Amino acid sequence: MAQTPLPAPLTDSWSVLEDHCATALSTSRDLLTRLEAGAAADDIVPLLQREYEAVAGVREQIARFGGRLPANSAERRDEVAGHLAELMRLDEISRDLMSRRGVRLRTRA
């Protein structure tokens, strides 16, 4: 009889979430750097797609917590919250730069 494997410990989820945040931040910083350098649309579109996928990974990992935080997780939670705040700040700057260049983006739902 096959046994159902136990879910991975929630602390592993923190590491995965932190990794996704790092990827999203790196991609967002790369996008912003290229926007500031005046990158062509052909360079921007693939970066926007990578950024979207990276942020989707962050969202998926946050959803995995399901409102349950492991004990002694306040420090990691605060660190991730700082990453998310930085991600939103970079997104705002990038959107402003694209808007000034006439790039039209779909609005968030």
Protein backbone atom coordinates (compact mmCIF):
# COMPACT_ATOMS: atom_id res chain seq x y z
CA MET A 1 0.00 0.00 0.00
CA ALA A 2 1.43 3.36 -1.07
CA GLN A 3 1.83 6.02 1.54
CA THR A 4 1.13 9.65 0.87
CA PRO A 5 4.32 11.63 1.47
CA LEU A 6 4.21 14.19 4.22
CA PRO A 7 4.35 17.82 3.11
CA ALA A 8 7.74 19.50 3.37
CA PRO A 9 8.29 21.46 6.58
CA LEU A 10 7.03 25.03 6.40
CA THR A 11 10.51 26.34 7.14
CA ASP A 12 11.59 25.05 3.69
CA SER A 13 8.86 27.24 2.24
CA TRP A 14 10.62 30.28 3.69
CA SER A 15 13.80 29.43 1.79
CA VAL A 16 11.87 28.91 -1.43
CA LEU A 17 10.01 32.20 -0.94
CA GLU A 18 13.26 34.03 -0.22
CA ASP A 19 14.78 32.55 -3.39
CA HIS A 20 11.79 33.65 -5.46
CA CYS A 21 12.01 37.15 -3.95
CA ALA A 22 15.71 37.33 -4.80
CA THR A 23 15.00 36.29 -8.39
CA ALA A 24 12.19 38.82 -8.73
CA LEU A 25 14.33 41.62 -7.27
CA SER A 26 17.25 40.79 -9.54
CA THR A 27 15.00 40.75 -12.61
CA SER A 28 13.32 44.02 -11.59
CA ARG A 29 16.68 45.70 -11.03
CA ASP A 30 17.90 44.48 -14.42
CA LEU A 31 14.75 45.83 -16.07
CA LEU A 32 15.13 49.20 -14.38
CA THR A 33 18.81 49.44 -15.35
CA ARG A 34 17.98 48.73 -18.97
CA LEU A 35 15.08 51.18 -18.96
CA GLU A 36 17.33 53.90 -17.55
CA ALA A 37 19.85 53.11 -20.31
CA GLY A 38 17.14 53.59 -22.95
CA ALA A 39 16.76 49.94 -23.98
CA ALA A 40 14.67 49.21 -27.06
CA ALA A 41 11.25 47.58 -26.77
CA ASP A 42 12.73 44.33 -28.11
CA ASP A 43 14.92 44.20 -24.98
CA ILE A 44 12.21 45.32 -22.58
CA VAL A 45 9.45 42.87 -23.50
CA PRO A 46 11.41 39.69 -22.62
CA LEU A 47 12.48 41.29 -19.34
CA LEU A 48 8.89 42.20 -18.52
CA GLN A 49 7.92 38.57 -19.15
CA ARG A 50 10.73 37.31 -16.89
CA GLU A 51 9.71 39.80 -14.21
CA TYR A 52 6.08 38.69 -14.46
CA GLU A 53 7.08 35.03 -14.09
CA ALA A 54 9.35 35.81 -11.14
CA VAL A 55 6.62 37.74 -9.33
CA ALA A 56 4.14 34.93 -10.07
CA GLY A 57 6.56 32.58 -8.30
CA VAL A 58 6.57 34.88 -5.27
CA ARG A 59 2.77 34.94 -5.22
CA GLU A 60 2.59 31.15 -5.43
CA GLN A 61 4.98 30.74 -2.53
CA ILE A 62 3.08 33.24 -0.39
CA ALA A 63 -0.14 31.34 -1.13
CA ARG A 64 1.50 28.12 0.09
CA PHE A 65 1.71 29.55 3.58
CA GLY A 66 -2.07 29.70 3.69
CA GLY A 67 -2.03 32.13 6.58
CA ARG A 68 0.06 29.79 8.75
CA LEU A 69 3.47 31.06 9.78
CA PRO A 70 5.95 28.80 11.51
CA ALA A 71 7.06 29.59 15.04
CA ASN A 72 9.93 32.06 15.36
CA SER A 73 9.34 33.39 11.86
CA ALA A 74 8.93 37.11 12.56
CA GLU A 75 12.47 37.97 11.42
CA ARG A 76 12.11 36.10 8.13
CA ARG A 77 8.63 37.53 7.61
CA ASP A 78 9.96 41.05 8.09
CA GLU A 79 12.85 40.38 5.70
CA VAL A 80 10.47 39.10 3.02
CA ALA A 81 8.18 42.08 3.63
CA GLY A 82 11.17 44.36 2.99
CA HIS A 83 11.89 42.53 -0.26
CA LEU A 84 8.27 42.93 -1.33
CA ALA A 85 8.32 46.65 -0.52
CA GLU A 86 11.49 47.03 -2.60
CA LEU A 87 9.87 45.09 -5.44
CA MET A 88 6.88 47.44 -5.41
CA ARG A 89 9.18 50.48 -5.37
CA LEU A 90 11.15 49.20 -8.37
CA ASP A 91 7.91 48.39 -10.19
CA GLU A 92 6.63 51.92 -9.65
CA ILE A 93 9.86 53.47 -10.98
CA SER A 94 9.90 51.14 -14.00
CA ARG A 95 6.27 51.86 -14.82
CA ASP A 96 6.93 55.58 -14.59
CA LEU A 97 9.92 55.31 -16.95
CA MET A 98 7.94 53.21 -19.43
CA SER A 99 5.01 55.61 -19.26
CA ARG A 100 7.28 58.57 -20.04
CA ARG A 101 8.59 56.65 -23.04
CA GLY A 102 5.06 55.99 -24.27
CA VAL A 103 5.03 52.28 -23.43
CA ARG A 104 1.45 51.20 -22.74
CA LEU A 105 0.94 48.44 -20.19
CA ARG A 106 -2.20 46.61 -19.24
CA THR A 107 -3.45 47.80 -15.91
CA ARG A 108 -3.51 45.49 -12.95
CA ALA A 109 -6.77 43.66 -12.35
